[in-house]
């Protein structure tokens, strides 16, 4: 068990490490937040309407186009 000066150094080191982890961006959550359109047939997610429409036309050609894509 650390005591005295060694304990203080260890606490400073841990604080710096925690600060670095807090400032680091979380790429997984940012990518997941960008996927806002969900295909009603297969439940896959797409970032924008253009990609969503391309996906729907190529993967589900027999299914009717959703209302969201009729405007795009």
C-alpha atoms as a PDB file:
ATOM      1  CA  UNK A   1       0.000   0.000   0.000  1.00  0.00           C
ATOM      2  CA  UNK A   2       1.333   3.419  -1.016  1.00  0.00           C
ATOM      3  CA  UNK A   3       1.838   6.044   1.668  1.00  0.00           C
ATOM      4  CA  UNK A   4       2.835   9.672   1.791  1.00  0.00           C
ATOM      5  CA  UNK A   5       4.541  11.115  -1.282  1.00  0.00           C
ATOM      6  CA  UNK A   6       4.057   7.960  -3.353  1.00  0.00           C
ATOM      7  CA  UNK A   7       0.307   8.052  -2.670  1.00  0.00           C
ATOM      8  CA  UNK A   8       0.055  11.687  -3.809  1.00  0.00           C
ATOM      9  CA  UNK A   9       1.981  10.911  -7.005  1.00  0.00           C
ATOM     10  CA  UNK A  10      -0.278   7.962  -7.706  1.00  0.00           C
ATOM     11  CA  UNK A  11      -3.394  10.096  -7.234  1.00  0.00           C
ATOM     12  CA  UNK A  12      -2.081  12.803  -9.599  1.00  0.00           C
ATOM     13  CA  UNK A  13      -1.229  10.194 -12.207  1.00  0.00           C
ATOM     14  CA  UNK A  14      -4.709   8.694 -11.924  1.00  0.00           C
ATOM     15  CA  UNK A  15      -6.373  12.122 -12.240  1.00  0.00           C
ATOM     16  CA  UNK A  16      -4.392  12.857 -15.418  1.00  0.00           C
ATOM     17  CA  UNK A  17      -5.316   9.463 -16.836  1.00  0.00           C
ATOM     18  CA  UNK A  18      -9.026  10.004 -16.070  1.00  0.00           C
ATOM     19  CA  UNK A  19      -8.908  13.488 -17.659  1.00  0.00           C
ATOM     20  CA  UNK A  20      -7.422  12.050 -20.859  1.00  0.00           C
ATOM     21  CA  UNK A  21     -10.118   9.375 -21.017  1.00  0.00           C
ATOM     22  CA  UNK A  22     -12.848  11.965 -20.493  1.00  0.00           C
ATOM     23  CA  UNK A  23     -11.545  14.187 -23.307  1.00  0.00           C
ATOM     24  CA  UNK A  24     -11.195  11.312 -25.748  1.00  0.00           C
ATOM     25  CA  UNK A  25     -14.058  11.158 -28.260  1.00  0.00           C
ATOM     26  CA  UNK A  26     -16.097   7.994 -28.359  1.00  0.00           C
ATOM     27  CA  UNK A  27     -16.215   6.993 -32.024  1.00  0.00           C
ATOM     28  CA  UNK A  28     -18.750   4.210 -31.586  1.00  0.00           C
ATOM     29  CA  UNK A  29     -21.391   6.432 -30.017  1.00  0.00           C
ATOM     30  CA  UNK A  30     -20.780   9.196 -32.573  1.00  0.00           C
ATOM     31  CA  UNK A  31     -21.184   6.739 -35.451  1.00  0.00           C
ATOM     32  CA  UNK A  32     -24.303   5.261 -33.923  1.00  0.00           C
ATOM     33  CA  UNK A  33     -25.830   8.715 -33.476  1.00  0.00           C
ATOM     34  CA  UNK A  34     -25.283   9.422 -37.186  1.00  0.00           C
ATOM     35  CA  UNK A  35     -27.397   6.406 -38.209  1.00  0.00           C
ATOM     36  CA  UNK A  36     -30.826   7.981 -38.107  1.00  0.00           C
ATOM     37  CA  UNK A  37     -32.776   6.189 -40.869  1.00  0.00           C
ATOM     38  CA  UNK A  38     -33.926   2.623 -40.220  1.00  0.00           C
ATOM     39  CA  UNK A  39     -35.126   0.264 -42.937  1.00  0.00           C
ATOM     40  CA  UNK A  40     -38.590  -1.056 -42.053  1.00  0.00           C
ATOM     41  CA  UNK A  41     -37.936  -4.396 -43.783  1.00  0.00           C
ATOM     42  CA  UNK A  42     -34.514  -5.483 -42.496  1.00  0.00           C
ATOM     43  CA  UNK A  43     -33.983  -2.954 -39.657  1.00  0.00           C
ATOM     44  CA  UNK A  44     -30.545  -1.889 -40.928  1.00  0.00           C
ATOM     45  CA  UNK A  45     -29.606   1.737 -40.276  1.00  0.00           C
ATOM     46  CA  UNK A  46     -28.356   4.355 -42.729  1.00  0.00           C
ATOM     47  CA  UNK A  47     -26.942   7.864 -42.196  1.00  0.00           C
ATOM     48  CA  UNK A  48     -28.846   9.786 -44.885  1.00  0.00           C
ATOM     49  CA  UNK A  49     -31.938   9.517 -47.107  1.00  0.00           C
ATOM     50  CA  UNK A  50     -29.925   9.052 -50.315  1.00  0.00           C
ATOM     51  CA  UNK A  51     -28.153   5.971 -48.963  1.00  0.00           C
ATOM     52  CA  UNK A  52     -31.425   4.741 -47.491  1.00  0.00           C
ATOM     53  CA  UNK A  53     -33.149   4.999 -50.878  1.00  0.00           C
ATOM     54  CA  UNK A  54     -30.294   3.206 -52.668  1.00  0.00           C
ATOM     55  CA  UNK A  55     -30.398   0.450 -50.062  1.00  0.00           C
ATOM     56  CA  UNK A  56     -34.147   0.050 -50.310  1.00  0.00           C
ATOM     57  CA  UNK A  57     -34.161  -0.053 -54.122  1.00  0.00           C
ATOM     58  CA  UNK A  58     -31.359  -2.612 -54.320  1.00  0.00           C
ATOM     59  CA  UNK A  59     -32.198  -4.865 -51.358  1.00  0.00           C
ATOM     60  CA  UNK A  60     -36.006  -4.733 -51.349  1.00  0.00           C
ATOM     61  CA  UNK A  61     -37.136  -4.106 -54.954  1.00  0.00           C
ATOM     62  CA  UNK A  62     -40.504  -5.875 -54.521  1.00  0.00           C
ATOM     63  CA  UNK A  63     -41.498  -3.969 -51.394  1.00  0.00           C
ATOM     64  CA  UNK A  64     -43.341  -0.662 -51.768  1.00  0.00           C
ATOM     65  CA  UNK A  65     -41.281   2.462 -51.140  1.00  0.00           C
ATOM     66  CA  UNK A  66     -41.833   3.931 -47.641  1.00  0.00           C
ATOM     67  CA  UNK A  67     -43.425   7.381 -47.310  1.00  0.00           C
ATOM     68  CA  UNK A  68     -40.137   8.825 -46.044  1.00  0.00           C
ATOM     69  CA  UNK A  69     -38.383   7.971 -49.316  1.00  0.00           C
ATOM     70  CA  UNK A  70     -41.099   9.118 -51.701  1.00  0.00           C
ATOM     71  CA  UNK A  71     -40.125  12.755 -51.121  1.00  0.00           C
ATOM     72  CA  UNK A  72     -36.371  12.177 -51.467  1.00  0.00           C
END
